[in-house]
């Protein structure tokens, strides 16, 4: 049996990204396609719709791009994501271990509607000066957004 694991990338956490972000917004991934046709580590490119801005002006972002592979982002068409970024580019370019984006679909699908549950309300409170919950954003949101396999326990 062979196990694959990738090293944890030296990337800022979502909270660190949030604290230094000039733009914080919610987007919905509308489409996703293979951009380069490479068989193993393809680059994906997708179209996004910004549905809510929490900090900064209306972002220019209308697309997202990232590569498939260990510790890379994993986004699903139709889902909602919260982005905390320090630049305002037309293309949101995600890199391995990138924690500038977390899933927030439950904020839109759960009872109560947009922003009433999940992650958006704590982020809004944090942007207004309140502390985030100690475990924010939580394992579920990270595991649903980044494809990093957990390191095996020591023997």
C-alpha atoms as a PDB file:
ATOM      1  CA  UNK A   1       0.000   0.000   0.000  1.00  0.00           C
ATOM      2  CA  UNK A   2       1.340   3.402  -0.975  1.00  0.00           C
ATOM      3  CA  UNK A   3       0.215   6.592   0.712  1.00  0.00           C
ATOM      4  CA  UNK A   4       0.539   9.998  -0.830  1.00  0.00           C
ATOM      5  CA  UNK A   5       0.815  13.173   1.174  1.00  0.00           C
ATOM      6  CA  UNK A   6       1.988  16.590   0.257  1.00  0.00           C
ATOM      7  CA  UNK A   7       3.753  18.907   2.622  1.00  0.00           C
ATOM      8  CA  UNK A   8       1.655  21.617   4.150  1.00  0.00           C
ATOM      9  CA  UNK A   9       2.401  24.678   2.057  1.00  0.00           C
ATOM     10  CA  UNK A  10       3.809  27.758   3.732  1.00  0.00           C
ATOM     11  CA  UNK A  11       0.760  29.870   2.995  1.00  0.00           C
ATOM     12  CA  UNK A  12      -1.121  32.365   5.149  1.00  0.00           C
ATOM     13  CA  UNK A  13      -4.226  31.114   6.916  1.00  0.00           C
ATOM     14  CA  UNK A  14      -7.664  32.371   5.945  1.00  0.00           C
ATOM     15  CA  UNK A  15      -7.739  34.629   9.018  1.00  0.00           C
ATOM     16  CA  UNK A  16      -4.339  36.117   8.096  1.00  0.00           C
ATOM     17  CA  UNK A  17      -5.610  36.726   4.558  1.00  0.00           C
ATOM     18  CA  UNK A  18      -8.778  38.279   5.949  1.00  0.00           C
ATOM     19  CA  UNK A  19      -6.854  40.632   8.225  1.00  0.00           C
ATOM     20  CA  UNK A  20      -4.753  42.021   5.374  1.00  0.00           C
ATOM     21  CA  UNK A  21      -7.367  41.884   2.605  1.00  0.00           C
ATOM     22  CA  UNK A  22      -8.363  45.011   0.736  1.00  0.00           C
ATOM     23  CA  UNK A  23     -11.288  43.140  -0.837  1.00  0.00           C
ATOM     24  CA  UNK A  24     -13.603  40.633   0.837  1.00  0.00           C
ATOM     25  CA  UNK A  25     -16.483  39.307  -1.217  1.00  0.00           C
ATOM     26  CA  UNK A  26     -18.747  36.333  -1.841  1.00  0.00           C
ATOM     27  CA  UNK A  27     -18.846  34.757  -5.272  1.00  0.00           C
ATOM     28  CA  UNK A  28     -20.652  31.874  -6.908  1.00  0.00           C
ATOM     29  CA  UNK A  29     -18.726  29.604  -9.268  1.00  0.00           C
ATOM     30  CA  UNK A  30     -20.794  29.516 -12.455  1.00  0.00           C
ATOM     31  CA  UNK A  31     -18.607  27.361 -14.706  1.00  0.00           C
ATOM     32  CA  UNK A  32     -15.313  25.481 -14.679  1.00  0.00           C
ATOM     33  CA  UNK A  33     -13.286  23.991 -17.520  1.00  0.00           C
ATOM     34  CA  UNK A  34      -9.854  22.582 -18.226  1.00  0.00           C
ATOM     35  CA  UNK A  35      -7.806  25.460 -19.599  1.00  0.00           C
ATOM     36  CA  UNK A  36      -4.666  23.706 -20.811  1.00  0.00           C
ATOM     37  CA  UNK A  37      -5.538  20.074 -21.568  1.00  0.00           C
ATOM     38  CA  UNK A  38      -2.666  18.625 -19.546  1.00  0.00           C
ATOM     39  CA  UNK A  39      -3.556  15.098 -18.364  1.00  0.00           C
ATOM     40  CA  UNK A  40      -2.260  15.125 -14.771  1.00  0.00           C
ATOM     41  CA  UNK A  41      -1.886  18.641 -13.434  1.00  0.00           C
ATOM     42  CA  UNK A  42      -4.363  20.597 -15.484  1.00  0.00           C
ATOM     43  CA  UNK A  43      -5.158  24.227 -14.979  1.00  0.00           C
ATOM     44  CA  UNK A  44      -8.835  24.943 -14.448  1.00  0.00           C
ATOM     45  CA  UNK A  45     -10.496  28.198 -15.343  1.00  0.00           C
ATOM     46  CA  UNK A  46     -13.952  29.277 -14.310  1.00  0.00           C
ATOM     47  CA  UNK A  47     -16.438  32.098 -14.454  1.00  0.00           C
ATOM     48  CA  UNK A  48     -17.621  33.657 -11.197  1.00  0.00           C
ATOM     49  CA  UNK A  49     -20.413  36.034 -10.225  1.00  0.00           C
ATOM     50  CA  UNK A  50     -19.769  38.303  -7.256  1.00  0.00           C
ATOM     51  CA  UNK A  51     -22.965  38.242  -5.198  1.00  0.00           C
ATOM     52  CA  UNK A  52     -21.949  40.264  -2.149  1.00  0.00           C
ATOM     53  CA  UNK A  53     -19.162  42.656  -1.176  1.00  0.00           C
ATOM     54  CA  UNK A  54     -18.120  42.800   2.484  1.00  0.00           C
ATOM     55  CA  UNK A  55     -15.028  45.037   2.194  1.00  0.00           C
ATOM     56  CA  UNK A  56     -13.671  47.264  -0.563  1.00  0.00           C
ATOM     57  CA  UNK A  57     -15.449  48.381  -3.694  1.00  0.00           C
ATOM     58  CA  UNK A  58     -17.144  46.083  -6.158  1.00  0.00           C
ATOM     59  CA  UNK A  59     -14.351  43.689  -7.206  1.00  0.00           C
ATOM     60  CA  UNK A  60     -13.224  43.371 -10.818  1.00  0.00           C
ATOM     61  CA  UNK A  61     -13.032  39.580 -10.509  1.00  0.00           C
ATOM     62  CA  UNK A  62     -15.080  37.731 -13.097  1.00  0.00           C
ATOM     63  CA  UNK A  63     -13.033  34.537 -13.234  1.00  0.00           C
ATOM     64  CA  UNK A  64     -10.932  32.128 -11.214  1.00  0.00           C
ATOM     65  CA  UNK A  65      -8.009  29.924 -12.188  1.00  0.00           C
ATOM     66  CA  UNK A  66      -6.072  27.217 -10.340  1.00  0.00           C
ATOM     67  CA  UNK A  67      -4.265  23.950 -10.945  1.00  0.00           C
ATOM     68  CA  UNK A  68      -5.373  20.449 -10.035  1.00  0.00           C
ATOM     69  CA  UNK A  69      -3.006  18.716  -7.659  1.00  0.00           C
ATOM     70  CA  UNK A  70      -1.998  18.104  -4.104  1.00  0.00           C
ATOM     71  CA  UNK A  71      -2.794  20.988  -1.748  1.00  0.00           C
ATOM     72  CA  UNK A  72      -4.459  22.987  -4.513  1.00  0.00           C
ATOM     73  CA  UNK A  73      -7.874  24.583  -4.223  1.00  0.00           C
ATOM     74  CA  UNK A  74     -10.923  22.510  -5.072  1.00  0.00           C
ATOM     75  CA  UNK A  75     -13.980  24.454  -6.103  1.00  0.00           C
ATOM     76  CA  UNK A  76     -17.337  23.120  -7.305  1.00  0.00           C
ATOM     77  CA  UNK A  77     -19.665  24.731  -9.822  1.00  0.00           C
ATOM     78  CA  UNK A  78     -22.762  26.199  -8.213  1.00  0.00           C
ATOM     79  CA  UNK A  79     -21.188  26.663  -4.797  1.00  0.00           C
ATOM     80  CA  UNK A  80     -20.605  29.959  -3.002  1.00  0.00           C
ATOM     81  CA  UNK A  81     -17.178  31.038  -1.738  1.00  0.00           C
ATOM     82  CA  UNK A  82     -15.866  33.871   0.409  1.00  0.00           C
ATOM     83  CA  UNK A  83     -12.698  35.488  -0.945  1.00  0.00           C
ATOM     84  CA  UNK A  84     -10.321  37.612   1.138  1.00  0.00           C
ATOM     85  CA  UNK A  85      -7.719  39.063  -1.219  1.00  0.00           C
ATOM     86  CA  UNK A  86      -5.217  41.896  -1.187  1.00  0.00           C
ATOM     87  CA  UNK A  87      -5.432  42.701  -4.897  1.00  0.00           C
ATOM     88  CA  UNK A  88      -8.333  43.462  -7.186  1.00  0.00           C
ATOM     89  CA  UNK A  89      -7.662  41.599 -10.410  1.00  0.00           C
ATOM     90  CA  UNK A  90     -10.131  40.473 -13.063  1.00  0.00           C
ATOM     91  CA  UNK A  91      -8.891  36.882 -12.616  1.00  0.00           C
ATOM     92  CA  UNK A  92      -8.700  35.389  -9.122  1.00  0.00           C
ATOM     93  CA  UNK A  93      -5.553  33.247  -9.336  1.00  0.00           C
ATOM     94  CA  UNK A  94      -5.313  30.598  -6.613  1.00  0.00           C
ATOM     95  CA  UNK A  95      -2.090  28.756  -5.779  1.00  0.00           C
ATOM     96  CA  UNK A  96      -1.286  25.529  -3.860  1.00  0.00           C
ATOM     97  CA  UNK A  97      -2.316  25.810  -0.222  1.00  0.00           C
ATOM     98  CA  UNK A  98      -4.219  29.015  -0.946  1.00  0.00           C
ATOM     99  CA  UNK A  99      -6.494  29.885   1.955  1.00  0.00           C
ATOM    100  CA  UNK A 100      -7.804  33.149   0.559  1.00  0.00           C
ATOM    101  CA  UNK A 101     -11.069  31.409  -0.364  1.00  0.00           C
ATOM    102  CA  UNK A 102     -13.410  29.300   1.797  1.00  0.00           C
ATOM    103  CA  UNK A 103     -16.732  27.669   1.006  1.00  0.00           C
ATOM    104  CA  UNK A 104     -19.833  29.455   2.323  1.00  0.00           C
ATOM    105  CA  UNK A 105     -22.604  27.660   0.426  1.00  0.00           C
ATOM    106  CA  UNK A 106     -24.338  26.827   3.698  1.00  0.00           C
ATOM    107  CA  UNK A 107     -24.922  30.555   4.207  1.00  0.00           C
ATOM    108  CA  UNK A 108     -27.092  30.504   1.093  1.00  0.00           C
ATOM    109  CA  UNK A 109     -28.648  27.046   1.273  1.00  0.00           C
ATOM    110  CA  UNK A 110     -29.418  26.633   4.979  1.00  0.00           C
ATOM    111  CA  UNK A 111     -32.591  27.903   6.569  1.00  0.00           C
ATOM    112  CA  UNK A 112     -32.472  31.612   7.173  1.00  0.00           C
ATOM    113  CA  UNK A 113     -31.059  32.535   3.779  1.00  0.00           C
ATOM    114  CA  UNK A 114     -28.035  34.519   2.728  1.00  0.00           C
ATOM    115  CA  UNK A 115     -25.696  35.464   5.520  1.00  0.00           C
ATOM    116  CA  UNK A 116     -27.838  34.181   8.383  1.00  0.00           C
ATOM    117  CA  UNK A 117     -25.793  31.086   9.211  1.00  0.00           C
ATOM    118  CA  UNK A 118     -22.270  29.840   8.728  1.00  0.00           C
ATOM    119  CA  UNK A 119     -19.298  32.069   7.971  1.00  0.00           C
ATOM    120  CA  UNK A 120     -20.464  35.376   6.547  1.00  0.00           C
ATOM    121  CA  UNK A 121     -21.870  36.864   9.747  1.00  0.00           C
ATOM    122  CA  UNK A 122     -18.709  36.175  11.823  1.00  0.00           C
ATOM    123  CA  UNK A 123     -16.590  37.709   9.031  1.00  0.00           C
ATOM    124  CA  UNK A 124     -18.797  40.809   8.925  1.00  0.00           C
ATOM    125  CA  UNK A 125     -18.492  41.105  12.705  1.00  0.00           C
ATOM    126  CA  UNK A 126     -14.705  40.684  12.468  1.00  0.00           C
ATOM    127  CA  UNK A 127     -14.449  43.381   9.808  1.00  0.00           C
ATOM    128  CA  UNK A 128     -16.358  45.631  12.238  1.00  0.00           C
ATOM    129  CA  UNK A 129     -13.768  44.962  14.967  1.00  0.00           C
ATOM    130  CA  UNK A 130     -15.108  41.879  16.745  1.00  0.00           C
ATOM    131  CA  UNK A 131     -12.991  38.747  17.300  1.00  0.00           C
ATOM    132  CA  UNK A 132     -13.632  35.672  15.186  1.00  0.00           C
ATOM    133  CA  UNK A 133     -14.604  32.385  16.862  1.00  0.00           C
ATOM    134  CA  UNK A 134     -11.441  30.577  18.020  1.00  0.00           C
ATOM    135  CA  UNK A 135     -11.822  27.723  15.529  1.00  0.00           C
ATOM    136  CA  UNK A 136     -12.769  29.889  12.529  1.00  0.00           C
ATOM    137  CA  UNK A 137     -13.105  28.976   9.688  1.00  0.00           C
ATOM    138  CA  UNK A 138     -13.260  25.375  10.923  1.00  0.00           C
ATOM    139  CA  UNK A 139     -12.047  22.108   9.458  1.00  0.00           C
ATOM    140  CA  UNK A 140     -15.140  21.573   7.305  1.00  0.00           C
ATOM    141  CA  UNK A 141     -14.635  24.792   5.345  1.00  0.00           C
ATOM    142  CA  UNK A 142     -10.920  24.170   4.836  1.00  0.00           C
ATOM    143  CA  UNK A 143     -11.356  20.527   3.822  1.00  0.00           C
ATOM    144  CA  UNK A 144     -14.142  21.492   1.414  1.00  0.00           C
ATOM    145  CA  UNK A 145     -11.957  24.120  -0.280  1.00  0.00           C
ATOM    146  CA  UNK A 146      -8.370  22.779  -0.271  1.00  0.00           C
ATOM    147  CA  UNK A 147      -7.334  19.305  -1.428  1.00  0.00           C
ATOM    148  CA  UNK A 148      -4.622  18.637   1.148  1.00  0.00           C
ATOM    149  CA  UNK A 149      -4.745  15.119   2.484  1.00  0.00           C
ATOM    150  CA  UNK A 150      -4.244  14.894   6.217  1.00  0.00           C
ATOM    151  CA  UNK A 151      -0.828  13.773   7.327  1.00  0.00           C
ATOM    152  CA  UNK A 152      -0.889  10.214   8.685  1.00  0.00           C
ATOM    153  CA  UNK A 153      -0.463   9.833  12.438  1.00  0.00           C
ATOM    154  CA  UNK A 154       3.039   8.958  13.650  1.00  0.00           C
ATOM    155  CA  UNK A 155       3.731   5.273  14.189  1.00  0.00           C
END
